[in-house]
PDB file of N, CA and C in Angstrom:
ATOM      1  N   MET A   1     293.480  48.998 -60.014  1.00  0.00           N
ATOM      2  CA  MET A   1     293.852  48.214 -58.828  1.00  0.00           C
ATOM      3  C   MET A   1     292.647  47.929 -57.939  1.00  0.00           C
ATOM      4  N   LYS A   2     291.840  49.054 -57.696  1.00  0.00           N
ATOM      5  CA  LYS A   2     290.715  48.868 -56.854  1.00  0.00           C
ATOM      6  C   LYS A   2     289.683  47.890 -57.568  1.00  0.00           C
ATOM      7  N   HIS A   3     289.544  48.075 -58.885  1.00  0.00           N
ATOM      8  CA  HIS A   3     288.585  47.213 -59.644  1.00  0.00           C
ATOM      9  C   HIS A   3     289.014  45.714 -59.503  1.00  0.00           C
ATOM     10  N   MET A   4     290.356  45.503 -59.600  1.00  0.00           N
ATOM     11  CA  MET A   4     290.841  44.100 -59.521  1.00  0.00           C
ATOM     12  C   MET A   4     290.444  43.504 -58.100  1.00  0.00           C
ATOM     13  N   LYS A   5     290.631  44.285 -57.131  1.00  0.00           N
ATOM     14  CA  LYS A   5     290.321  43.760 -55.751  1.00  0.00           C
ATOM     15  C   LYS A   5     288.804  43.430 -55.685  1.00  0.00           C
ATOM     16  N   ARG A   6     288.028  44.321 -56.260  1.00  0.00           N
ATOM     17  CA  ARG A   6     286.552  44.090 -56.186  1.00  0.00           C
ATOM     18  C   ARG A   6     286.191  42.793 -56.852  1.00  0.00           C
ATOM     19  N   VAL A   7     286.739  42.589 -58.047  1.00  0.00           N
ATOM     20  CA  VAL A   7     286.413  41.422 -58.862  1.00  0.00           C
ATOM     21  C   VAL A   7     286.833  40.149 -58.017  1.00  0.00           C
ATOM     22  N   GLN A   8     288.019  40.214 -57.364  1.00  0.00           N
ATOM     23  CA  GLN A   8     288.580  39.100 -56.616  1.00  0.00           C
ATOM     24  C   GLN A   8     287.579  38.741 -55.455  1.00  0.00           C
ATOM     25  N   ARG A   9     287.135  39.857 -54.745  1.00  0.00           N
ATOM     26  CA  ARG A   9     286.243  39.655 -53.648  1.00  0.00           C
ATOM     27  C   ARG A   9     284.915  39.091 -54.084  1.00  0.00           C
ATOM     28  N   LEU A  10     284.369  39.477 -55.153  1.00  0.00           N
ATOM     29  CA  LEU A  10     283.114  39.005 -55.660  1.00  0.00           C
ATOM     30  C   LEU A  10     283.225  37.529 -56.134  1.00  0.00           C
ATOM     31  N   SER A  11     284.353  37.124 -56.681  1.00  0.00           N
ATOM     32  CA  SER A  11     284.443  35.766 -57.104  1.00  0.00           C
ATOM     33  C   SER A  11     284.874  34.742 -56.031  1.00  0.00           C
ATOM     34  N   GLN A  12     285.126  35.264 -54.848  1.00  0.00           N
ATOM     35  CA  GLN A  12     285.578  34.359 -53.773  1.00  0.00           C
ATOM     36  C   GLN A  12     284.523  33.425 -53.227  1.00  0.00           C
ATOM     37  N   PRO A  13     283.367  33.860 -52.700  1.00  0.00           N
ATOM     38  CA  PRO A  13     282.462  32.946 -51.972  1.00  0.00           C
ATOM     39  C   PRO A  13     281.774  32.006 -52.895  1.00  0.00           C
ATOM     40  N   LYS A  14     282.402  31.011 -53.409  1.00  0.00           N
ATOM     41  CA  LYS A  14     281.770  29.998 -54.291  1.00  0.00           C
ATOM     42  C   LYS A  14     281.520  28.725 -53.554  1.00  0.00           C
ATOM     43  N   ILE A  15     281.948  28.583 -52.310  1.00  0.00           N
ATOM     44  CA  ILE A  15     281.849  27.385 -51.526  1.00  0.00           C
ATOM     45  C   ILE A  15     280.378  27.173 -51.014  1.00  0.00           C
ATOM     46  N   ILE A  16     279.592  28.201 -51.094  1.00  0.00           N
ATOM     47  CA  ILE A  16     278.269  28.168 -50.507  1.00  0.00           C
ATOM     48  C   ILE A  16     277.395  27.158 -51.292  1.00  0.00           C
ATOM     49  N   THR A  17     276.891  26.150 -50.683  1.00  0.00           N
ATOM     50  CA  THR A  17     276.045  25.154 -51.295  1.00  0.00           C
ATOM     51  C   THR A  17     274.620  25.714 -51.533  1.00  0.00           C
ATOM     52  N   GLN A  18     273.792  25.085 -52.344  1.00  0.00           N
ATOM     53  CA  GLN A  18     272.541  25.629 -52.735  1.00  0.00           C
ATOM     54  C   GLN A  18     271.607  25.788 -51.477  1.00  0.00           C
ATOM     55  N   SER A  19     271.584  24.793 -50.586  1.00  0.00           N
ATOM     56  CA  SER A  19     270.739  24.839 -49.415  1.00  0.00           C
ATOM     57  C   SER A  19     271.005  26.049 -48.525  1.00  0.00           C
ATOM     58  N   SER A  20     272.345  26.213 -48.293  1.00  0.00           N
ATOM     59  CA  SER A  20     272.648  27.399 -47.380  1.00  0.00           C
ATOM     60  C   SER A  20     272.428  28.716 -48.030  1.00  0.00           C
ATOM     61  N   LYS A  21     272.581  28.642 -49.440  1.00  0.00           N
ATOM     62  CA  LYS A  21     272.378  29.902 -50.170  1.00  0.00           C
ATOM     63  C   LYS A  21     270.872  30.274 -50.087  1.00  0.00           C
ATOM     64  N   GLN A  22     269.954  29.310 -50.155  1.00  0.00           N
ATOM     65  CA  GLN A  22     268.550  29.651 -50.011  1.00  0.00           C
ATOM     66  C   GLN A  22     268.240  30.083 -48.562  1.00  0.00           C
ATOM     67  N   GLU A  23     268.921  29.477 -47.646  1.00  0.00           N
ATOM     68  CA  GLU A  23     268.721  29.869 -46.256  1.00  0.00           C
ATOM     69  C   GLU A  23     269.165  31.280 -45.984  1.00  0.00           C
ATOM     70  N   TRP A  24     270.344  31.614 -46.601  1.00  0.00           N
ATOM     71  CA  TRP A  24     270.851  32.966 -46.447  1.00  0.00           C
ATOM     72  C   TRP A  24     270.050  34.022 -47.096  1.00  0.00           C
ATOM     73  N   ASN A  25     269.468  33.650 -48.287  1.00  0.00           N
ATOM     74  CA  ASN A  25     268.590  34.613 -48.982  1.00  0.00           C
ATOM     75  C   ASN A  25     267.384  34.986 -48.207  1.00  0.00           C
ATOM     76  N   SER A  26     266.829  34.092 -47.366  1.00  0.00           N
ATOM     77  CA  SER A  26     265.712  34.321 -46.599  1.00  0.00           C
ATOM     78  C   SER A  26     266.040  35.201 -45.407  1.00  0.00           C
ATOM     79  N   VAL A  27     267.336  35.180 -44.956  1.00  0.00           N
ATOM     80  CA  VAL A  27     267.731  36.023 -43.797  1.00  0.00           C
ATOM     81  C   VAL A  27     268.166  37.401 -44.151  1.00  0.00           C
ATOM     82  N   THR A  28     268.427  37.683 -45.451  1.00  0.00           N
ATOM     83  CA  THR A  28     268.887  38.979 -45.844  1.00  0.00           C
ATOM     84  C   THR A  28     268.086  40.162 -45.289  1.00  0.00           C
ATOM     85  N   CYS A  29     268.719  41.275 -45.070  1.00  0.00           N
ATOM     86  CA  CYS A  29     268.099  42.340 -44.411  1.00  0.00           C
ATOM     87  C   CYS A  29     266.997  43.015 -45.357  1.00  0.00           C
ATOM     88  N   ARG A  30     265.882  43.078 -44.864  1.00  0.00           N
ATOM     89  CA  ARG A  30     264.760  43.724 -45.684  1.00  0.00           C
ATOM     90  C   ARG A  30     264.440  45.150 -45.269  1.00  0.00           C
ATOM     91  N   LYS A  31     264.912  45.563 -44.088  1.00  0.00           N
ATOM     92  CA  LYS A  31     264.652  46.904 -43.690  1.00  0.00           C
ATOM     93  C   LYS A  31     265.485  47.899 -44.573  1.00  0.00           C
ATOM     94  N   THR A  32     266.800  47.630 -44.662  1.00  0.00           N
ATOM     95  CA  THR A  32     267.674  48.573 -45.338  1.00  0.00           C
ATOM     96  C   THR A  32     267.589  48.394 -46.878  1.00  0.00           C
ATOM     97  N   LYS A  33     267.201  47.155 -47.293  1.00  0.00           N
ATOM     98  CA  LYS A  33     267.187  46.831 -48.709  1.00  0.00           C
ATOM     99  C   LYS A  33     268.593  46.933 -49.306  1.00  0.00           C
ATOM    100  N   LYS A  34     269.527  46.618 -48.522  1.00  0.00           N
ATOM    101  CA  LYS A  34     270.960  46.596 -49.065  1.00  0.00           C
ATOM    102  C   LYS A  34     271.364  45.152 -49.229  1.00  0.00           C
ATOM    103  N   ARG A  35     272.262  44.913 -50.159  1.00  0.00           N
ATOM    104  CA  ARG A  35     272.813  43.556 -50.275  1.00  0.00           C
ATOM    105  C   ARG A  35     273.837  43.386 -49.259  1.00  0.00           C
ATOM    106  N   THR A  36     273.522  42.507 -48.325  1.00  0.00           N
ATOM    107  CA  THR A  36     274.540  42.272 -47.184  1.00  0.00           C
ATOM    108  C   THR A  36     275.491  41.194 -47.665  1.00  0.00           C
ATOM    109  N   SER A  37     276.664  41.182 -47.007  1.00  0.00           N
ATOM    110  CA  SER A  37     277.709  40.199 -47.371  1.00  0.00           C
ATOM    111  C   SER A  37     277.272  38.859 -46.919  1.00  0.00           C
ATOM    112  N   PRO A  38     277.759  37.825 -47.633  1.00  0.00           N
ATOM    113  CA  PRO A  38     277.488  36.406 -47.180  1.00  0.00           C
ATOM    114  C   PRO A  38     278.045  36.085 -45.857  1.00  0.00           C
ATOM    115  N   PRO A  39     277.539  35.032 -45.210  1.00  0.00           N
ATOM    116  CA  PRO A  39     277.944  34.721 -43.795  1.00  0.00           C
ATOM    117  C   PRO A  39     279.485  34.518 -43.704  1.00  0.00           C
ATOM    118  N   THR A  40     279.979  34.645 -42.525  1.00  0.00           N
ATOM    119  CA  THR A  40     281.414  34.501 -42.227  1.00  0.00           C
ATOM    120  C   THR A  40     281.816  33.011 -42.423  1.00  0.00           C
ATOM    121  N   VAL A  41     283.117  32.768 -42.538  1.00  0.00           N
ATOM    122  CA  VAL A  41     283.566  31.437 -42.861  1.00  0.00           C
ATOM    123  C   VAL A  41     283.128  30.401 -41.778  1.00  0.00           C
ATOM    124  N   SER A  42     283.217  30.809 -40.494  1.00  0.00           N
ATOM    125  CA  SER A  42     282.908  29.885 -39.486  1.00  0.00           C
ATOM    126  C   SER A  42     281.417  29.391 -39.601  1.00  0.00           C
ATOM    127  N   LYS A  43     280.519  30.377 -39.845  1.00  0.00           N
ATOM    128  CA  LYS A  43     279.151  30.021 -39.996  1.00  0.00           C
ATOM    129  C   LYS A  43     278.939  29.178 -41.267  1.00  0.00           C
ATOM    130  N   ARG A  44     279.699  29.484 -42.323  1.00  0.00           N
ATOM    131  CA  ARG A  44     279.573  28.692 -43.554  1.00  0.00           C
ATOM    132  C   ARG A  44     280.013  27.286 -43.299  1.00  0.00           C
ATOM    133  N   VAL A  45     281.094  27.131 -42.538  1.00  0.00           N
ATOM    134  CA  VAL A  45     281.618  25.800 -42.217  1.00  0.00           C
ATOM    135  C   VAL A  45     280.491  24.994 -41.406  1.00  0.00           C
ATOM    136  N   MET A  46     279.907  25.680 -40.530  1.00  0.00           N
ATOM    137  CA  MET A  46     278.868  25.029 -39.705  1.00  0.00           C
ATOM    138  C   MET A  46     277.686  24.652 -40.568  1.00  0.00           C
ATOM    139  N   GLU A  47     277.350  25.570 -41.542  1.00  0.00           N
ATOM    140  CA  GLU A  47     276.265  25.214 -42.471  1.00  0.00           C
ATOM    141  C   GLU A  47     276.486  24.097 -43.332  1.00  0.00           C
ATOM    142  N   LEU A  48     277.785  23.997 -43.889  1.00  0.00           N
ATOM    143  CA  LEU A  48     278.203  22.931 -44.685  1.00  0.00           C
ATOM    144  C   LEU A  48     278.221  21.586 -43.932  1.00  0.00           C
ATOM    145  N   ALA A  49     278.446  21.739 -42.552  1.00  0.00           N
ATOM    146  CA  ALA A  49     278.638  20.547 -41.732  1.00  0.00           C
ATOM    147  C   ALA A  49     277.286  19.961 -41.354  1.00  0.00           C
ATOM    148  N   LEU A  50     276.211  20.726 -41.582  1.00  0.00           N
ATOM    149  CA  LEU A  50     274.879  20.201 -41.202  1.00  0.00           C
ATOM    150  C   LEU A  50     274.551  18.913 -41.954  1.00  0.00           C
ATOM    151  N   PRO A  51     274.009  17.995 -41.217  1.00  0.00           N
ATOM    152  CA  PRO A  51     273.532  16.768 -41.922  1.00  0.00           C
ATOM    153  C   PRO A  51     272.332  17.186 -42.774  1.00  0.00           C
ATOM    154  N   LYS A  52     271.954  16.333 -43.735  1.00  0.00           N
ATOM    155  CA  LYS A  52     270.968  16.667 -44.757  1.00  0.00           C
ATOM    156  C   LYS A  52     269.555  16.901 -44.070  1.00  0.00           C
ATOM    157  N   ASN A  53     269.221  16.164 -43.032  1.00  0.00           N
ATOM    158  CA  ASN A  53     267.941  16.228 -42.459  1.00  0.00           C
ATOM    159  C   ASN A  53     267.730  17.408 -41.513  1.00  0.00           C
ATOM    160  N   LEU A  54     268.859  17.949 -40.987  1.00  0.00           N
ATOM    161  CA  LEU A  54     268.725  19.126 -40.112  1.00  0.00           C
ATOM    162  C   LEU A  54     268.768  20.369 -40.850  1.00  0.00           C
ATOM    163  N   THR A  55     268.018  21.370 -40.420  1.00  0.00           N
ATOM    164  CA  THR A  55     267.959  22.661 -41.088  1.00  0.00           C
ATOM    165  C   THR A  55     268.522  23.806 -40.390  1.00  0.00           C
ATOM    166  N   THR A  56     268.361  23.887 -39.043  1.00  0.00           N
ATOM    167  CA  THR A  56     268.865  25.088 -38.285  1.00  0.00           C
ATOM    168  C   THR A  56     270.114  24.764 -37.483  1.00  0.00           C
ATOM    169  N   LEU A  57     270.793  25.820 -37.166  1.00  0.00           N
ATOM    170  CA  LEU A  57     272.014  25.698 -36.340  1.00  0.00           C
ATOM    171  C   LEU A  57     271.674  25.238 -34.917  1.00  0.00           C
ATOM    172  N   ASN A  58     270.427  25.514 -34.440  1.00  0.00           N
ATOM    173  CA  ASN A  58     270.053  25.147 -33.114  1.00  0.00           C
ATOM    174  C   ASN A  58     269.920  23.565 -33.023  1.00  0.00           C
ATOM    175  N   ASP A  59     269.379  23.012 -34.007  1.00  0.00           N
ATOM    176  CA  ASP A  59     269.332  21.549 -34.055  1.00  0.00           C
ATOM    177  C   ASP A  59     270.754  20.961 -34.120  1.00  0.00           C
ATOM    178  N   PHE A  60     271.562  21.669 -34.906  1.00  0.00           N
ATOM    179  CA  PHE A  60     272.950  21.226 -35.062  1.00  0.00           C
ATOM    180  C   PHE A  60     273.706  21.247 -33.819  1.00  0.00           C
ATOM    181  N   SER A  61     273.520  22.291 -32.933  1.00  0.00           N
ATOM    182  CA  SER A  61     274.337  22.400 -31.735  1.00  0.00           C
ATOM    183  C   SER A  61     273.997  21.263 -30.762  1.00  0.00           C
ATOM    184  N   LYS A  62     272.831  20.702 -30.862  1.00  0.00           N
ATOM    185  CA  LYS A  62     272.386  19.564 -29.970  1.00  0.00           C
ATOM    186  C   LYS A  62     273.194  18.302 -30.383  1.00  0.00           C
ATOM    187  N   ASP A  63     273.460  18.159 -31.662  1.00  0.00           N
ATOM    188  CA  ASP A  63     274.066  16.919 -32.172  1.00  0.00           C
ATOM    189  C   ASP A  63     275.544  16.993 -32.407  1.00  0.00           C
ATOM    190  N   VAL A  64     276.199  17.984 -31.845  1.00  0.00           N
ATOM    191  CA  VAL A  64     277.649  18.092 -32.058  1.00  0.00           C
ATOM    192  C   VAL A  64     278.431  16.962 -31.430  1.00  0.00           C
ATOM    193  N   ARG A  65     277.868  16.480 -30.256  1.00  0.00           N
ATOM    194  CA  ARG A  65     278.526  15.449 -29.514  1.00  0.00           C
ATOM    195  C   ARG A  65     278.362  14.074 -30.191  1.00  0.00           C
ATOM    196  N   ASP A  66     277.368  13.900 -31.004  1.00  0.00           N
ATOM    197  CA  ASP A  66     277.192  12.615 -31.695  1.00  0.00           C
ATOM    198  C   ASP A  66     277.917  12.637 -33.042  1.00  0.00           C
ATOM    199  N   PRO A  67     279.030  11.946 -33.173  1.00  0.00           N
ATOM    200  CA  PRO A  67     279.850  12.091 -34.369  1.00  0.00           C
ATOM    201  C   PRO A  67     279.275  11.430 -35.600  1.00  0.00           C
ATOM    202  N   PHE A  68     278.233  10.562 -35.370  1.00  0.00           N
ATOM    203  CA  PHE A  68     277.678   9.866 -36.547  1.00  0.00           C
ATOM    204  C   PHE A  68     276.560  10.683 -37.285  1.00  0.00           C
ATOM    205  N   LYS A  69     276.135  11.773 -36.698  1.00  0.00           N
ATOM    206  CA  LYS A  69     275.068  12.556 -37.319  1.00  0.00           C
ATOM    207  C   LYS A  69     275.714  13.739 -38.133  1.00  0.00           C
ATOM    208  N   VAL A  70     277.023  13.931 -37.988  1.00  0.00           N
ATOM    209  CA  VAL A  70     277.731  14.915 -38.756  1.00  0.00           C
ATOM    210  C   VAL A  70     278.707  14.232 -39.704  1.00  0.00           C
ATOM    211  N   ARG A  71     278.820  14.847 -40.891  1.00  0.00           N
ATOM    212  CA  ARG A  71     279.745  14.272 -41.851  1.00  0.00           C
ATOM    213  C   ARG A  71     281.184  14.318 -41.326  1.00  0.00           C
ATOM    214  N   PRO A  72     281.913  13.240 -41.543  1.00  0.00           N
ATOM    215  CA  PRO A  72     283.288  13.100 -40.899  1.00  0.00           C
ATOM    216  C   PRO A  72     284.270  14.218 -41.362  1.00  0.00           C
ATOM    217  N   SER A  73     284.084  14.624 -42.684  1.00  0.00           N
ATOM    218  CA  SER A  73     285.009  15.678 -43.106  1.00  0.00           C
ATOM    219  C   SER A  73     284.766  16.949 -42.392  1.00  0.00           C
ATOM    220  N   ALA A  74     283.513  17.188 -42.015  1.00  0.00           N
ATOM    221  CA  ALA A  74     283.151  18.446 -41.347  1.00  0.00           C
ATOM    222  C   ALA A  74     283.421  18.424 -39.837  1.00  0.00           C
ATOM    223  N   LEU A  75     283.462  17.192 -39.256  1.00  0.00           N
ATOM    224  CA  LEU A  75     283.673  17.023 -37.894  1.00  0.00           C
ATOM    225  C   LEU A  75     285.027  17.583 -37.413  1.00  0.00           C
ATOM    226  N   LYS A  76     286.086  17.399 -38.258  1.00  0.00           N
ATOM    227  CA  LYS A  76     287.344  17.937 -38.041  1.00  0.00           C
ATOM    228  C   LYS A  76     287.318  19.460 -37.901  1.00  0.00           C
ATOM    229  N   ALA A  77     286.641  20.129 -38.789  1.00  0.00           N
ATOM    230  CA  ALA A  77     286.580  21.556 -38.866  1.00  0.00           C
ATOM    231  C   ALA A  77     285.831  22.067 -37.539  1.00  0.00           C
ATOM    232  N   ILE A  78     284.690  21.359 -37.204  1.00  0.00           N
ATOM    233  CA  ILE A  78     283.939  21.749 -36.032  1.00  0.00           C
ATOM    234  C   ILE A  78     284.778  21.640 -34.846  1.00  0.00           C
ATOM    235  N   CYS A  79     285.522  20.503 -34.708  1.00  0.00           N
ATOM    236  CA  CYS A  79     286.328  20.270 -33.489  1.00  0.00           C
ATOM    237  C   CYS A  79     287.383  21.455 -33.292  1.00  0.00           C
ATOM    238  N   SER A  80     287.997  21.816 -34.444  1.00  0.00           N
ATOM    239  CA  SER A  80     289.026  22.921 -34.344  1.00  0.00           C
ATOM    240  C   SER A  80     288.295  24.193 -34.015  1.00  0.00           C
ATOM    241  N   LEU A  81     287.126  24.420 -34.533  1.00  0.00           N
ATOM    242  CA  LEU A  81     286.352  25.622 -34.143  1.00  0.00           C
ATOM    243  C   LEU A  81     286.049  25.648 -32.656  1.00  0.00           C
ATOM    244  N   ARG A  82     285.579  24.470 -32.158  1.00  0.00           N
ATOM    245  CA  ARG A  82     285.211  24.434 -30.734  1.00  0.00           C
ATOM    246  C   ARG A  82     286.389  24.647 -29.830  1.00  0.00           C
ATOM    247  N   THR A  83     287.566  24.073 -30.179  1.00  0.00           N
ATOM    248  CA  THR A  83     288.749  24.206 -29.400  1.00  0.00           C
ATOM    249  C   THR A  83     289.230  25.722 -29.411  1.00  0.00           C
ATOM    250  N   LYS A  84     289.008  26.397 -30.589  1.00  0.00           N
ATOM    251  CA  LYS A  84     289.328  27.802 -30.664  1.00  0.00           C
ATOM    252  C   LYS A  84     288.437  28.637 -29.722  1.00  0.00           C
ATOM    253  N   LEU A  85     287.179  28.248 -29.786  1.00  0.00           N
ATOM    254  CA  LEU A  85     286.173  28.981 -28.859  1.00  0.00           C
ATOM    255  C   LEU A  85     286.479  28.729 -27.384  1.00  0.00           C
ATOM    256  N   LEU A  86     286.810  27.443 -27.043  1.00  0.00           N
ATOM    257  CA  LEU A  86     287.093  27.151 -25.640  1.00  0.00           C
ATOM    258  C   LEU A  86     288.356  27.667 -25.199  1.00  0.00           C
ATOM    259  N   ALA A  87     289.315  28.026 -26.153  1.00  0.00           N
ATOM    260  CA  ALA A  87     290.582  28.622 -25.789  1.00  0.00           C
ATOM    261  C   ALA A  87     290.518  30.121 -25.417  1.00  0.00           C
ATOM    262  N   ARG A  88     289.353  30.687 -25.670  1.00  0.00           N
ATOM    263  CA  ARG A  88     289.201  32.146 -25.328  1.00  0.00           C
ATOM    264  C   ARG A  88     289.136  32.327 -23.886  1.00  0.00           C
ATOM    265  N   PRO A  89     289.707  33.457 -23.387  1.00  0.00           N
ATOM    266  CA  PRO A  89     289.779  33.605 -21.942  1.00  0.00           C
ATOM    267  C   PRO A  89     288.482  33.630 -21.212  1.00  0.00           C
ATOM    268  N   LYS A  90     287.312  33.974 -21.944  1.00  0.00           N
ATOM    269  CA  LYS A  90     286.058  33.951 -21.306  1.00  0.00           C
ATOM    270  C   LYS A  90     285.730  32.579 -20.706  1.00  0.00           C
ATOM    271  N   TYR A  91     286.183  31.552 -21.343  1.00  0.00           N
ATOM    272  CA  TYR A  91     285.803  30.186 -20.926  1.00  0.00           C
ATOM    273  C   TYR A  91     286.826  29.547 -19.987  1.00  0.00           C
ATOM    274  N   VAL A  92     287.896  30.221 -19.702  1.00  0.00           N
ATOM    275  CA  VAL A  92     289.006  29.689 -18.841  1.00  0.00           C
ATOM    276  C   VAL A  92     288.378  29.514 -17.405  1.00  0.00           C
ATOM    277  N   GLU A  93     288.579  28.390 -16.859  1.00  0.00           N
ATOM    278  CA  GLU A  93     288.057  28.083 -15.504  1.00  0.00           C
ATOM    279  C   GLU A  93     288.982  28.598 -14.428  1.00  0.00           C
ATOM    280  N   ASN A  94     288.434  29.088 -13.314  1.00  0.00           N
ATOM    281  CA  ASN A  94     289.254  29.474 -12.239  1.00  0.00           C
ATOM    282  C   ASN A  94     289.544  28.237 -11.359  1.00  0.00           C
ATOM    283  N   SER A  95     290.186  28.422 -10.197  1.00  0.00           N
ATOM    284  CA  SER A  95     290.636  27.307  -9.381  1.00  0.00           C
ATOM    285  C   SER A  95     289.438  26.515  -8.811  1.00  0.00           C
ATOM    286  N   PHE A  96     288.296  27.147  -8.728  1.00  0.00           N
ATOM    287  CA  PHE A  96     287.076  26.460  -8.175  1.00  0.00           C
ATOM    288  C   PHE A  96     286.395  25.665  -9.226  1.00  0.00           C
ATOM    289  N   GLY A  97     286.875  25.624 -10.417  1.00  0.00           N
ATOM    290  CA  GLY A  97     286.259  24.816 -11.556  1.00  0.00           C
ATOM    291  C   GLY A  97     285.037  25.449 -12.173  1.00  0.00           C
ATOM    292  N   GLU A  98     284.918  26.774 -11.977  1.00  0.00           N
ATOM    293  CA  GLU A  98     283.772  27.441 -12.708  1.00  0.00           C
ATOM    294  C   GLU A  98     284.385  28.578 -13.603  1.00  0.00           C
ATOM    295  N   PRO A  99     283.602  28.865 -14.685  1.00  0.00           N
ATOM    296  CA  PRO A  99     284.052  29.884 -15.571  1.00  0.00           C
ATOM    297  C   PRO A  99     284.470  31.225 -14.945  1.00  0.00           C
ATOM    298  N   ARG A 100     285.543  31.834 -15.327  1.00  0.00           N
ATOM    299  CA  ARG A 100     286.067  33.008 -14.690  1.00  0.00           C
ATOM    300  C   ARG A 100     285.084  34.236 -14.820  1.00  0.00           C
ATOM    301  N   ASN A 101     284.706  34.484 -16.068  1.00  0.00           N
ATOM    302  CA  ASN A 101     283.851  35.669 -16.325  1.00  0.00           C
ATOM    303  C   ASN A 101     282.454  35.360 -16.412  1.00  0.00           C
ATOM    304  N   SER A 102     281.955  34.266 -15.787  1.00  0.00           N
ATOM    305  CA  SER A 102     280.593  33.892 -16.007  1.00  0.00           C
ATOM    306  C   SER A 102     279.682  34.848 -15.112  1.00  0.00           C
ATOM    307  N   VAL A 103     278.517  35.237 -15.684  1.00  0.00           N
ATOM    308  CA  VAL A 103     277.598  36.067 -14.949  1.00  0.00           C
ATOM    309  C   VAL A 103     276.560  35.165 -14.273  1.00  0.00           C
ATOM    310  N   THR A 104     276.509  35.318 -12.978  1.00  0.00           N
ATOM    311  CA  THR A 104     275.593  34.432 -12.208  1.00  0.00           C
ATOM    312  C   THR A 104     274.156  35.073 -12.270  1.00  0.00           C
ATOM    313  N   PRO A 105     273.172  34.192 -12.673  1.00  0.00           N
ATOM    314  CA  PRO A 105     271.805  34.722 -12.761  1.00  0.00           C
ATOM    315  C   PRO A 105     271.165  35.128 -11.400  1.00  0.00           C
TER     316      PRO A 105
END
């Protein structure tokens, strides 16, 4: 039974494209020399949603508002991700229109 679970888990992450796989391999932990697990689904969705010319998630975050730079199939997933993030209580605004738990610098 345990063995079956392990096989199922290993055969699961096949959605990773070649580009994100190369990017992930460069990020793997070198200090511990352990095989770390592949990135979580949300990060994988973001990586798959990246346009071909952009490489990092930082570039990607700038272009979220421009729907033509992101593939339309991925845009839906990103929008749902963002609404989930905005629905968290950390981002809920108080009556003055500022985030409730925001730390003022």
